[in-house]
Amino acid sequence: MTRNELVEALVRLRGIPRPMAERVVSTVLESIQTALVAGDRVELRGFGTFQPRSYRAYGGRNPRNGEPVKVAPKLLPVFRLGKELREAMVEKSPTTTREKV
């Protein structure tokens, strides 16, 4: 689902005017981004948790020429599924069966 599709869902399902739906989606996403950049955890009950994770610097290799490269430390977001979303995903997942040959 794209940002536009999310806005359209708000307009269609909740009857919110499009400009207001765009502001709501932008505000939510900007708030999540601001919290993660500040190092805070964002928990959306039933959906999941976004949490920043620090990675230390390390030595790597350039895949094109094999030369050593220093990779700087970084802070990246990690997402963990909430229990209710996980259960909904498992419930809707197709079952795999093996056919005997």
PDB file of N, CA and C in Angstrom:
ATOM      1  N   MET A   1       0.855  -1.174   0.000  1.00  0.00           N
ATOM      2  CA  MET A   1       0.000   0.000   0.000  1.00  0.00           C
ATOM      3  C   MET A   1       0.899   1.235   0.000  1.00  0.00           C
ATOM      4  N   THR A   2       0.590   2.164  -0.866  1.00  0.00           N
ATOM      5  CA  THR A   2       1.361   3.408  -0.952  1.00  0.00           C
ATOM      6  C   THR A   2       0.712   4.482  -0.074  1.00  0.00           C
ATOM      7  N   ARG A   3       1.422   5.588   0.060  1.00  0.00           N
ATOM      8  CA  ARG A   3       0.894   6.714   0.834  1.00  0.00           C
ATOM      9  C   ARG A   3      -0.436   7.192   0.237  1.00  0.00           C
ATOM     10  N   ASN A   4      -0.497   7.298  -1.086  1.00  0.00           N
ATOM     11  CA  ASN A   4      -1.733   7.726  -1.760  1.00  0.00           C
ATOM     12  C   ASN A   4      -2.873   6.754  -1.499  1.00  0.00           C
ATOM     13  N   GLU A   5      -2.584   5.466  -1.519  1.00  0.00           N
ATOM     14  CA  GLU A   5      -3.627   4.469  -1.258  1.00  0.00           C
ATOM     15  C   GLU A   5      -4.120   4.566   0.182  1.00  0.00           C
ATOM     16  N   LEU A   6      -3.223   4.893   1.099  1.00  0.00           N
ATOM     17  CA  LEU A   6      -3.610   5.078   2.491  1.00  0.00           C
ATOM     18  C   LEU A   6      -4.539   6.290   2.632  1.00  0.00           C
ATOM     19  N   VAL A   7      -4.204   7.370   1.945  1.00  0.00           N
ATOM     20  CA  VAL A   7      -5.060   8.559   1.950  1.00  0.00           C
ATOM     21  C   VAL A   7      -6.421   8.216   1.366  1.00  0.00           C
ATOM     22  N   GLU A   8      -6.427   7.504   0.247  1.00  0.00           N
ATOM     23  CA  GLU A   8      -7.689   7.117  -0.390  1.00  0.00           C
ATOM     24  C   GLU A   8      -8.541   6.241   0.533  1.00  0.00           C
ATOM     25  N   ALA A   9      -7.893   5.359   1.293  1.00  0.00           N
ATOM     26  CA  ALA A   9      -8.630   4.505   2.230  1.00  0.00           C
ATOM     27  C   ALA A   9      -9.300   5.348   3.309  1.00  0.00           C
ATOM     28  N   LEU A  10      -8.605   6.366   3.813  1.00  0.00           N
ATOM     29  CA  LEU A  10      -9.215   7.265   4.804  1.00  0.00           C
ATOM     30  C   LEU A  10     -10.411   7.998   4.220  1.00  0.00           C
ATOM     31  N   VAL A  11     -10.251   8.472   3.004  1.00  0.00           N
ATOM     32  CA  VAL A  11     -11.345   9.201   2.346  1.00  0.00           C
ATOM     33  C   VAL A  11     -12.551   8.275   2.153  1.00  0.00           C
ATOM     34  N   ARG A  12     -12.302   7.075   1.636  1.00  0.00           N
ATOM     35  CA  ARG A  12     -13.380   6.141   1.313  1.00  0.00           C
ATOM     36  C   ARG A  12     -14.025   5.528   2.569  1.00  0.00           C
ATOM     37  N   LEU A  13     -13.206   5.077   3.510  1.00  0.00           N
ATOM     38  CA  LEU A  13     -13.746   4.356   4.666  1.00  0.00           C
ATOM     39  C   LEU A  13     -14.268   5.251   5.780  1.00  0.00           C
ATOM     40  N   ARG A  14     -13.697   6.430   5.924  1.00  0.00           N
ATOM     41  CA  ARG A  14     -14.098   7.306   7.025  1.00  0.00           C
ATOM     42  C   ARG A  14     -14.804   8.572   6.570  1.00  0.00           C
ATOM     43  N   GLY A  15     -14.853   8.800   5.252  1.00  0.00           N
ATOM     44  CA  GLY A  15     -15.561   9.972   4.740  1.00  0.00           C
ATOM     45  C   GLY A  15     -14.849  11.285   5.050  1.00  0.00           C
ATOM     46  N   ILE A  16     -13.552  11.217   5.271  1.00  0.00           N
ATOM     47  CA  ILE A  16     -12.763  12.421   5.573  1.00  0.00           C
ATOM     48  C   ILE A  16     -12.438  13.118   4.258  1.00  0.00           C
ATOM     49  N   PRO A  17     -12.528  14.454   4.208  1.00  0.00           N
ATOM     50  CA  PRO A  17     -12.128  15.166   2.983  1.00  0.00           C
ATOM     51  C   PRO A  17     -10.661  14.879   2.649  1.00  0.00           C
ATOM     52  N   ARG A  18     -10.357  14.757   1.364  1.00  0.00           N
ATOM     53  CA  ARG A  18      -9.004  14.396   0.931  1.00  0.00           C
ATOM     54  C   ARG A  18      -7.907  15.274   1.529  1.00  0.00           C
ATOM     55  N   PRO A  19      -8.019  16.615   1.530  1.00  0.00           N
ATOM     56  CA  PRO A  19      -6.936  17.432   2.111  1.00  0.00           C
ATOM     57  C   PRO A  19      -6.683  17.104   3.592  1.00  0.00           C
ATOM     58  N   MET A  20      -7.757  16.838   4.331  1.00  0.00           N
ATOM     59  CA  MET A  20      -7.593  16.495   5.740  1.00  0.00           C
ATOM     60  C   MET A  20      -6.942  15.121   5.885  1.00  0.00           C
ATOM     61  N   ALA A  21      -7.342  14.163   5.041  1.00  0.00           N
ATOM     62  CA  ALA A  21      -6.752  12.823   5.083  1.00  0.00           C
ATOM     63  C   ALA A  21      -5.257  12.882   4.766  1.00  0.00           C
ATOM     64  N   GLU A  22      -4.867  13.721   3.800  1.00  0.00           N
ATOM     65  CA  GLU A  22      -3.448  13.891   3.471  1.00  0.00           C
ATOM     66  C   GLU A  22      -2.673  14.448   4.664  1.00  0.00           C
ATOM     67  N   ARG A  23      -3.276  15.419   5.372  1.00  0.00           N
ATOM     68  CA  ARG A  23      -2.609  15.996   6.552  1.00  0.00           C
ATOM     69  C   ARG A  23      -2.480  14.962   7.665  1.00  0.00           C
ATOM     70  N   VAL A  24      -3.505  14.151   7.854  1.00  0.00           N
ATOM     71  CA  VAL A  24      -3.470  13.124   8.900  1.00  0.00           C
ATOM     72  C   VAL A  24      -2.350  12.128   8.618  1.00  0.00           C
ATOM     73  N   VAL A  25      -2.294  11.608   7.400  1.00  0.00           N
ATOM     74  CA  VAL A  25      -1.261  10.628   7.039  1.00  0.00           C
ATOM     75  C   VAL A  25       0.127  11.252   7.176  1.00  0.00           C
ATOM     76  N   SER A  26       0.308  12.464   6.676  1.00  0.00           N
ATOM     77  CA  SER A  26       1.600  13.135   6.780  1.00  0.00           C
ATOM     78  C   SER A  26       2.004  13.355   8.229  1.00  0.00           C
ATOM     79  N   THR A  27       1.067  13.778   9.060  1.00  0.00           N
ATOM     80  CA  THR A  27       1.360  14.029  10.473  1.00  0.00           C
ATOM     81  C   THR A  27       1.779  12.752  11.189  1.00  0.00           C
ATOM     82  N   VAL A  28       1.072  11.663  10.932  1.00  0.00           N
ATOM     83  CA  VAL A  28       1.410  10.382  11.575  1.00  0.00           C
ATOM     84  C   VAL A  28       2.800   9.925  11.145  1.00  0.00           C
ATOM     85  N   LEU A  29       3.066   9.946   9.848  1.00  0.00           N
ATOM     86  CA  LEU A  29       4.366   9.489   9.360  1.00  0.00           C
ATOM     87  C   LEU A  29       5.510  10.379   9.833  1.00  0.00           C
ATOM     88  N   GLU A  30       5.297  11.694   9.830  1.00  0.00           N
ATOM     89  CA  GLU A  30       6.326  12.617  10.318  1.00  0.00           C
ATOM     90  C   GLU A  30       6.581  12.415  11.809  1.00  0.00           C
ATOM     91  N   SER A  31       5.536  12.147  12.570  1.00  0.00           N
ATOM     92  CA  SER A  31       5.688  11.913  14.005  1.00  0.00           C
ATOM     93  C   SER A  31       6.500  10.652  14.275  1.00  0.00           C
ATOM     94  N   ILE A  32       6.231   9.599  13.523  1.00  0.00           N
ATOM     95  CA  ILE A  32       6.994   8.356  13.668  1.00  0.00           C
ATOM     96  C   ILE A  32       8.450   8.605  13.314  1.00  0.00           C
ATOM     97  N   GLN A  33       8.690   9.311  12.217  1.00  0.00           N
ATOM     98  CA  GLN A  33      10.059   9.609  11.783  1.00  0.00           C
ATOM     99  C   GLN A  33      10.795  10.438  12.829  1.00  0.00           C
ATOM    100  N   THR A  34      10.151  11.473  13.351  1.00  0.00           N
ATOM    101  CA  THR A  34      10.779  12.337  14.353  1.00  0.00           C
ATOM    102  C   THR A  34      11.154  11.547  15.596  1.00  0.00           C
ATOM    103  N   ALA A  35      10.263  10.684  16.045  1.00  0.00           N
ATOM    104  CA  ALA A  35      10.534   9.874  17.239  1.00  0.00           C
ATOM    105  C   ALA A  35      11.707   8.929  17.000  1.00  0.00           C
ATOM    106  N   LEU A  36      11.753   8.278  15.844  1.00  0.00           N
ATOM    107  CA  LEU A  36      12.845   7.345  15.559  1.00  0.00           C
ATOM    108  C   LEU A  36      14.187   8.054  15.450  1.00  0.00           C
ATOM    109  N   VAL A  37      14.206   9.203  14.805  1.00  0.00           N
ATOM    110  CA  VAL A  37      15.447   9.973  14.678  1.00  0.00           C
ATOM    111  C   VAL A  37      15.943  10.414  16.050  1.00  0.00           C
ATOM    112  N   ALA A  38      15.013  10.707  16.958  1.00  0.00           N
ATOM    113  CA  ALA A  38      15.381  11.115  18.317  1.00  0.00           C
ATOM    114  C   ALA A  38      15.795   9.921  19.179  1.00  0.00           C
ATOM    115  N   GLY A  39      15.677   8.707  18.633  1.00  0.00           N
ATOM    116  CA  GLY A  39      16.060   7.516  19.373  1.00  0.00           C
ATOM    117  C   GLY A  39      14.945   6.910  20.203  1.00  0.00           C
ATOM    118  N   ASP A  40      13.717   7.374  19.992  1.00  0.00           N
ATOM    119  CA  ASP A  40      12.573   6.874  20.747  1.00  0.00           C
ATOM    120  C   ASP A  40      11.927   5.675  20.051  1.00  0.00           C
ATOM    121  N   ARG A  41      11.236   4.889  20.824  1.00  0.00           N
ATOM    122  CA  ARG A  41      10.505   3.725  20.344  1.00  0.00           C
ATOM    123  C   ARG A  41       9.072   4.154  20.039  1.00  0.00           C
ATOM    124  N   VAL A  42       8.483   3.621  18.964  1.00  0.00           N
ATOM    125  CA  VAL A  42       7.107   3.931  18.597  1.00  0.00           C
ATOM    126  C   VAL A  42       6.307   2.632  18.627  1.00  0.00           C
ATOM    127  N   GLU A  43       5.320   2.574  19.507  1.00  0.00           N
ATOM    128  CA  GLU A  43       4.507   1.369  19.647  1.00  0.00           C
ATOM    129  C   GLU A  43       3.082   1.660  19.208  1.00  0.00           C
ATOM    130  N   LEU A  44       2.602   0.880  18.257  1.00  0.00           N
ATOM    131  CA  LEU A  44       1.222   0.966  17.788  1.00  0.00           C
ATOM    132  C   LEU A  44       0.563  -0.351  18.176  1.00  0.00           C
ATOM    133  N   ARG A  45      -0.139  -0.346  19.278  1.00  0.00           N
ATOM    134  CA  ARG A  45      -0.719  -1.577  19.843  1.00  0.00           C
ATOM    135  C   ARG A  45      -1.530  -2.342  18.804  1.00  0.00           C
ATOM    136  N   GLY A  46      -1.292  -3.630  18.729  1.00  0.00           N
ATOM    137  CA  GLY A  46      -1.991  -4.485  17.789  1.00  0.00           C
ATOM    138  C   GLY A  46      -1.378  -4.481  16.398  1.00  0.00           C
ATOM    139  N   PHE A  47      -0.517  -3.511  16.102  1.00  0.00           N
ATOM    140  CA  PHE A  47       0.110  -3.420  14.786  1.00  0.00           C
ATOM    141  C   PHE A  47       1.573  -3.824  14.870  1.00  0.00           C
ATOM    142  N   GLY A  48       2.331  -3.097  15.695  1.00  0.00           N
ATOM    143  CA  GLY A  48       3.744  -3.410  15.834  1.00  0.00           C
ATOM    144  C   GLY A  48       4.511  -2.288  16.480  1.00  0.00           C
ATOM    145  N   THR A  49       5.831  -2.483  16.556  1.00  0.00           N
ATOM    146  CA  THR A  49       6.711  -1.526  17.207  1.00  0.00           C
ATOM    147  C   THR A  49       7.862  -1.164  16.278  1.00  0.00           C
ATOM    148  N   PHE A  50       8.109   0.132  16.152  1.00  0.00           N
ATOM    149  CA  PHE A  50       9.285   0.625  15.444  1.00  0.00           C
ATOM    150  C   PHE A  50      10.298   1.017  16.507  1.00  0.00           C
ATOM    151  N   GLN A  51      11.540   0.582  16.337  1.00  0.00           N
ATOM    152  CA  GLN A  51      12.558   0.908  17.325  1.00  0.00           C
ATOM    153  C   GLN A  51      13.871   1.178  16.600  1.00  0.00           C
ATOM    154  N   PRO A  52      14.575   2.254  16.984  1.00  0.00           N
ATOM    155  CA  PRO A  52      15.873   2.505  16.357  1.00  0.00           C
ATOM    156  C   PRO A  52      16.917   1.545  16.909  1.00  0.00           C
ATOM    157  N   ARG A  53      17.788   1.071  16.046  1.00  0.00           N
ATOM    158  CA  ARG A  53      18.866   0.180  16.473  1.00  0.00           C
ATOM    159  C   ARG A  53      20.191   0.757  15.988  1.00  0.00           C
ATOM    160  N   SER A  54      21.142   0.813  16.887  1.00  0.00           N
ATOM    161  CA  SER A  54      22.480   1.326  16.559  1.00  0.00           C
ATOM    162  C   SER A  54      23.356   0.202  16.032  1.00  0.00           C
ATOM    163  N   TYR A  55      24.082   0.503  14.986  1.00  0.00           N
ATOM    164  CA  TYR A  55      25.059  -0.424  14.438  1.00  0.00           C
ATOM    165  C   TYR A  55      26.425   0.244  14.496  1.00  0.00           C
ATOM    166  N   ARG A  56      27.418  -0.481  14.976  1.00  0.00           N
ATOM    167  CA  ARG A  56      28.758   0.110  15.093  1.00  0.00           C
ATOM    168  C   ARG A  56      29.458   0.088  13.739  1.00  0.00           C
ATOM    169  N   ALA A  57      30.524   0.838  13.658  1.00  0.00           N
ATOM    170  CA  ALA A  57      31.315   0.885  12.430  1.00  0.00           C
ATOM    171  C   ALA A  57      31.997  -0.464  12.216  1.00  0.00           C
ATOM    172  N   TYR A  58      32.224  -0.803  10.967  1.00  0.00           N
ATOM    173  CA  TYR A  58      32.919  -2.046  10.656  1.00  0.00           C
ATOM    174  C   TYR A  58      33.613  -1.908   9.307  1.00  0.00           C
ATOM    175  N   GLY A  59      34.509  -2.839   9.040  1.00  0.00           N
ATOM    176  CA  GLY A  59      35.218  -2.849   7.766  1.00  0.00           C
ATOM    177  C   GLY A  59      34.502  -3.758   6.787  1.00  0.00           C
ATOM    178  N   GLY A  60      34.312  -3.277   5.589  1.00  0.00           N
ATOM    179  CA  GLY A  60      33.663  -4.070   4.553  1.00  0.00           C
ATOM    180  C   GLY A  60      34.510  -4.082   3.304  1.00  0.00           C
ATOM    181  N   ARG A  61      33.963  -4.580   2.229  1.00  0.00           N
ATOM    182  CA  ARG A  61      34.674  -4.612   0.946  1.00  0.00           C
ATOM    183  C   ARG A  61      33.771  -4.068  -0.149  1.00  0.00           C
ATOM    184  N   ASN A  62      34.391  -3.311  -1.062  1.00  0.00           N
ATOM    185  CA  ASN A  62      33.687  -2.816  -2.230  1.00  0.00           C
ATOM    186  C   ASN A  62      33.419  -4.014  -3.145  1.00  0.00           C
ATOM    187  N   PRO A  63      32.147  -4.304  -3.461  1.00  0.00           N
ATOM    188  CA  PRO A  63      31.861  -5.489  -4.277  1.00  0.00           C
ATOM    189  C   PRO A  63      32.380  -5.402  -5.713  1.00  0.00           C
ATOM    190  N   ARG A  64      32.620  -4.208  -6.199  1.00  0.00           N
ATOM    191  CA  ARG A  64      33.096  -4.057  -7.580  1.00  0.00           C
ATOM    192  C   ARG A  64      34.568  -4.387  -7.731  1.00  0.00           C
ATOM    193  N   ASN A  65      35.371  -3.900  -6.769  1.00  0.00           N
ATOM    194  CA  ASN A  65      36.812  -4.103  -6.929  1.00  0.00           C
ATOM    195  C   ASN A  65      37.462  -4.840  -5.754  1.00  0.00           C
ATOM    196  N   GLY A  66      36.701  -5.148  -4.713  1.00  0.00           N
ATOM    197  CA  GLY A  66      37.228  -5.915  -3.590  1.00  0.00           C
ATOM    198  C   GLY A  66      38.074  -5.123  -2.601  1.00  0.00           C
ATOM    199  N   GLU A  67      38.201  -3.818  -2.812  1.00  0.00           N
ATOM    200  CA  GLU A  67      39.017  -3.012  -1.902  1.00  0.00           C
ATOM    201  C   GLU A  67      38.312  -2.821  -0.563  1.00  0.00           C
ATOM    202  N   PRO A  68      39.086  -2.758   0.519  1.00  0.00           N
ATOM    203  CA  PRO A  68      38.492  -2.538   1.847  1.00  0.00           C
ATOM    204  C   PRO A  68      37.831  -1.160   1.943  1.00  0.00           C
ATOM    205  N   VAL A  69      36.699  -1.110   2.650  1.00  0.00           N
ATOM    206  CA  VAL A  69      35.949   0.128   2.833  1.00  0.00           C
ATOM    207  C   VAL A  69      35.535   0.209   4.295  1.00  0.00           C
ATOM    208  N   LYS A  70      35.606   1.405   4.879  1.00  0.00           N
ATOM    209  CA  LYS A  70      35.126   1.587   6.242  1.00  0.00           C
ATOM    210  C   LYS A  70      33.649   1.976   6.183  1.00  0.00           C
ATOM    211  N   VAL A  71      32.831   1.231   6.909  1.00  0.00           N
ATOM    212  CA  VAL A  71      31.399   1.519   6.966  1.00  0.00           C
ATOM    213  C   VAL A  71      31.143   2.261   8.278  1.00  0.00           C
ATOM    214  N   ALA A  72      30.562   3.451   8.178  1.00  0.00           N
ATOM    215  CA  ALA A  72      30.341   4.308   9.344  1.00  0.00           C
ATOM    216  C   ALA A  72      29.248   3.728  10.254  1.00  0.00           C
ATOM    217  N   PRO A  73      29.280   4.088  11.533  1.00  0.00           N
ATOM    218  CA  PRO A  73      28.191   3.659  12.415  1.00  0.00           C
ATOM    219  C   PRO A  73      26.880   4.281  11.956  1.00  0.00           C
ATOM    220  N   LYS A  74      25.796   3.589  12.235  1.00  0.00           N
ATOM    221  CA  LYS A  74      24.500   4.107  11.770  1.00  0.00           C
ATOM    222  C   LYS A  74      23.383   3.720  12.724  1.00  0.00           C
ATOM    223  N   LEU A  75      22.287   4.431  12.596  1.00  0.00           N
ATOM    224  CA  LEU A  75      21.081   4.194  13.374  1.00  0.00           C
ATOM    225  C   LEU A  75      19.974   3.871  12.372  1.00  0.00           C
ATOM    226  N   LEU A  76      19.420   2.648  12.445  1.00  0.00           N
ATOM    227  CA  LEU A  76      18.398   2.219  11.495  1.00  0.00           C
ATOM    228  C   LEU A  76      17.154   1.735  12.226  1.00  0.00           C
ATOM    229  N   PRO A  77      15.974   1.924  11.623  1.00  0.00           N
ATOM    230  CA  PRO A  77      14.745   1.460  12.270  1.00  0.00           C
ATOM    231  C   PRO A  77      14.554  -0.040  12.095  1.00  0.00           C
ATOM    232  N   VAL A  78      13.981  -0.659  13.116  1.00  0.00           N
ATOM    233  CA  VAL A  78      13.632  -2.074  13.095  1.00  0.00           C
ATOM    234  C   VAL A  78      12.146  -2.165  13.426  1.00  0.00           C
ATOM    235  N   PHE A  79      11.430  -3.026  12.718  1.00  0.00           N
ATOM    236  CA  PHE A  79       9.990  -3.186  12.958  1.00  0.00           C
ATOM    237  C   PHE A  79       9.721  -4.594  13.466  1.00  0.00           C
ATOM    238  N   ARG A  80       8.928  -4.691  14.534  1.00  0.00           N
ATOM    239  CA  ARG A  80       8.485  -5.984  15.059  1.00  0.00           C
ATOM    240  C   ARG A  80       6.966  -6.034  15.007  1.00  0.00           C
ATOM    241  N   LEU A  81       6.427  -7.104  14.460  1.00  0.00           N
ATOM    242  CA  LEU A  81       4.979  -7.282  14.373  1.00  0.00           C
ATOM    243  C   LEU A  81       4.338  -7.355  15.744  1.00  0.00           C
ATOM    244  N   GLY A  82       3.164  -6.779  15.853  1.00  0.00           N
ATOM    245  CA  GLY A  82       2.367  -6.928  17.058  1.00  0.00           C
ATOM    246  C   GLY A  82       1.656  -8.279  17.025  1.00  0.00           C
ATOM    247  N   LYS A  83       1.244  -8.743  18.182  1.00  0.00           N
ATOM    248  CA  LYS A  83       0.612 -10.056  18.303  1.00  0.00           C
ATOM    249  C   LYS A  83      -0.638 -10.173  17.425  1.00  0.00           C
ATOM    250  N   GLU A  84      -1.500  -9.166  17.448  1.00  0.00           N
ATOM    251  CA  GLU A  84      -2.746  -9.237  16.685  1.00  0.00           C
ATOM    252  C   GLU A  84      -2.496  -9.256  15.178  1.00  0.00           C
ATOM    253  N   LEU A  85      -1.536  -8.477  14.707  1.00  0.00           N
ATOM    254  CA  LEU A  85      -1.210  -8.475  13.278  1.00  0.00           C
ATOM    255  C   LEU A  85      -0.585  -9.809  12.885  1.00  0.00           C
ATOM    256  N   ARG A  86       0.298 -10.326  13.715  1.00  0.00           N
ATOM    257  CA  ARG A  86       0.930 -11.613  13.436  1.00  0.00           C
ATOM    258  C   ARG A  86      -0.134 -12.714  13.314  1.00  0.00           C
ATOM    259  N   GLU A  87      -1.074 -12.730  14.255  1.00  0.00           N
ATOM    260  CA  GLU A  87      -2.134 -13.741  14.220  1.00  0.00           C
ATOM    261  C   GLU A  87      -3.012 -13.591  12.977  1.00  0.00           C
ATOM    262  N   ALA A  88      -3.305 -12.347  12.595  1.00  0.00           N
ATOM    263  CA  ALA A  88      -4.113 -12.107  11.392  1.00  0.00           C
ATOM    264  C   ALA A  88      -3.371 -12.570  10.142  1.00  0.00           C
ATOM    265  N   MET A  89      -2.060 -12.358  10.108  1.00  0.00           N
ATOM    266  CA  MET A  89      -1.261 -12.774   8.953  1.00  0.00           C
ATOM    267  C   MET A  89      -1.210 -14.302   8.863  1.00  0.00           C
ATOM    268  N   VAL A  90      -1.038 -14.955   9.990  1.00  0.00           N
ATOM    269  CA  VAL A  90      -0.983 -16.423  10.001  1.00  0.00           C
ATOM    270  C   VAL A  90      -2.327 -16.993   9.579  1.00  0.00           C
ATOM    271  N   GLU A  91      -3.394 -16.388  10.058  1.00  0.00           N
ATOM    272  CA  GLU A  91      -4.743 -16.854   9.730  1.00  0.00           C
ATOM    273  C   GLU A  91      -5.028 -16.755   8.234  1.00  0.00           C
ATOM    274  N   LYS A  92      -4.530 -15.703   7.589  1.00  0.00           N
ATOM    275  CA  LYS A  92      -4.799 -15.475   6.167  1.00  0.00           C
ATOM    276  C   LYS A  92      -3.766 -16.120   5.249  1.00  0.00           C
ATOM    277  N   SER A  93      -2.673 -16.655   5.800  1.00  0.00           N
ATOM    278  CA  SER A  93      -1.632 -17.214   4.944  1.00  0.00           C
ATOM    279  C   SER A  93      -2.120 -18.502   4.290  1.00  0.00           C
ATOM    280  N   PRO A  94      -1.731 -18.694   3.033  1.00  0.00           N
ATOM    281  CA  PRO A  94      -2.150 -19.913   2.346  1.00  0.00           C
ATOM    282  C   PRO A  94      -1.443 -21.120   2.959  1.00  0.00           C
ATOM    283  N   THR A  95      -2.163 -22.218   3.054  1.00  0.00           N
ATOM    284  CA  THR A  95      -1.542 -23.418   3.588  1.00  0.00           C
ATOM    285  C   THR A  95      -0.798 -24.119   2.458  1.00  0.00           C
ATOM    286  N   THR A  96       0.340 -24.624   2.799  1.00  0.00           N
ATOM    287  CA  THR A  96       1.126 -25.327   1.777  1.00  0.00           C
ATOM    288  C   THR A  96       0.953 -26.829   1.998  1.00  0.00           C
ATOM    289  N   THR A  97       0.699 -27.518   0.938  1.00  0.00           N
ATOM    290  CA  THR A  97       0.564 -28.971   1.023  1.00  0.00           C
ATOM    291  C   THR A  97       1.544 -29.591   0.040  1.00  0.00           C
ATOM    292  N   ARG A  98       2.043 -30.725   0.428  1.00  0.00           N
ATOM    293  CA  ARG A  98       2.952 -31.430  -0.457  1.00  0.00           C
ATOM    294  C   ARG A  98       2.173 -32.541  -1.160  1.00  0.00           C
ATOM    295  N   GLU A  99       2.341 -32.580  -2.456  1.00  0.00           N
ATOM    296  CA  GLU A  99       1.693 -33.626  -3.229  1.00  0.00           C
ATOM    297  C   GLU A  99       2.644 -34.796  -3.323  1.00  0.00           C
ATOM    298  N   LYS A 100       2.109 -36.001  -3.168  1.00  0.00           N
ATOM    299  CA  LYS A 100       2.936 -37.189  -3.325  1.00  0.00           C
ATOM    300  C   LYS A 100       3.091 -37.466  -4.800  1.00  0.00           C
ATOM    301  N   VAL A 101       4.322 -37.770  -5.162  1.00  0.00           N
ATOM    302  CA  VAL A 101       4.607 -38.037  -6.580  1.00  0.00           C
ATOM    303  C   VAL A 101       4.707 -39.510  -6.817  1.00  0.00           C
TER     304      VAL A 101
END
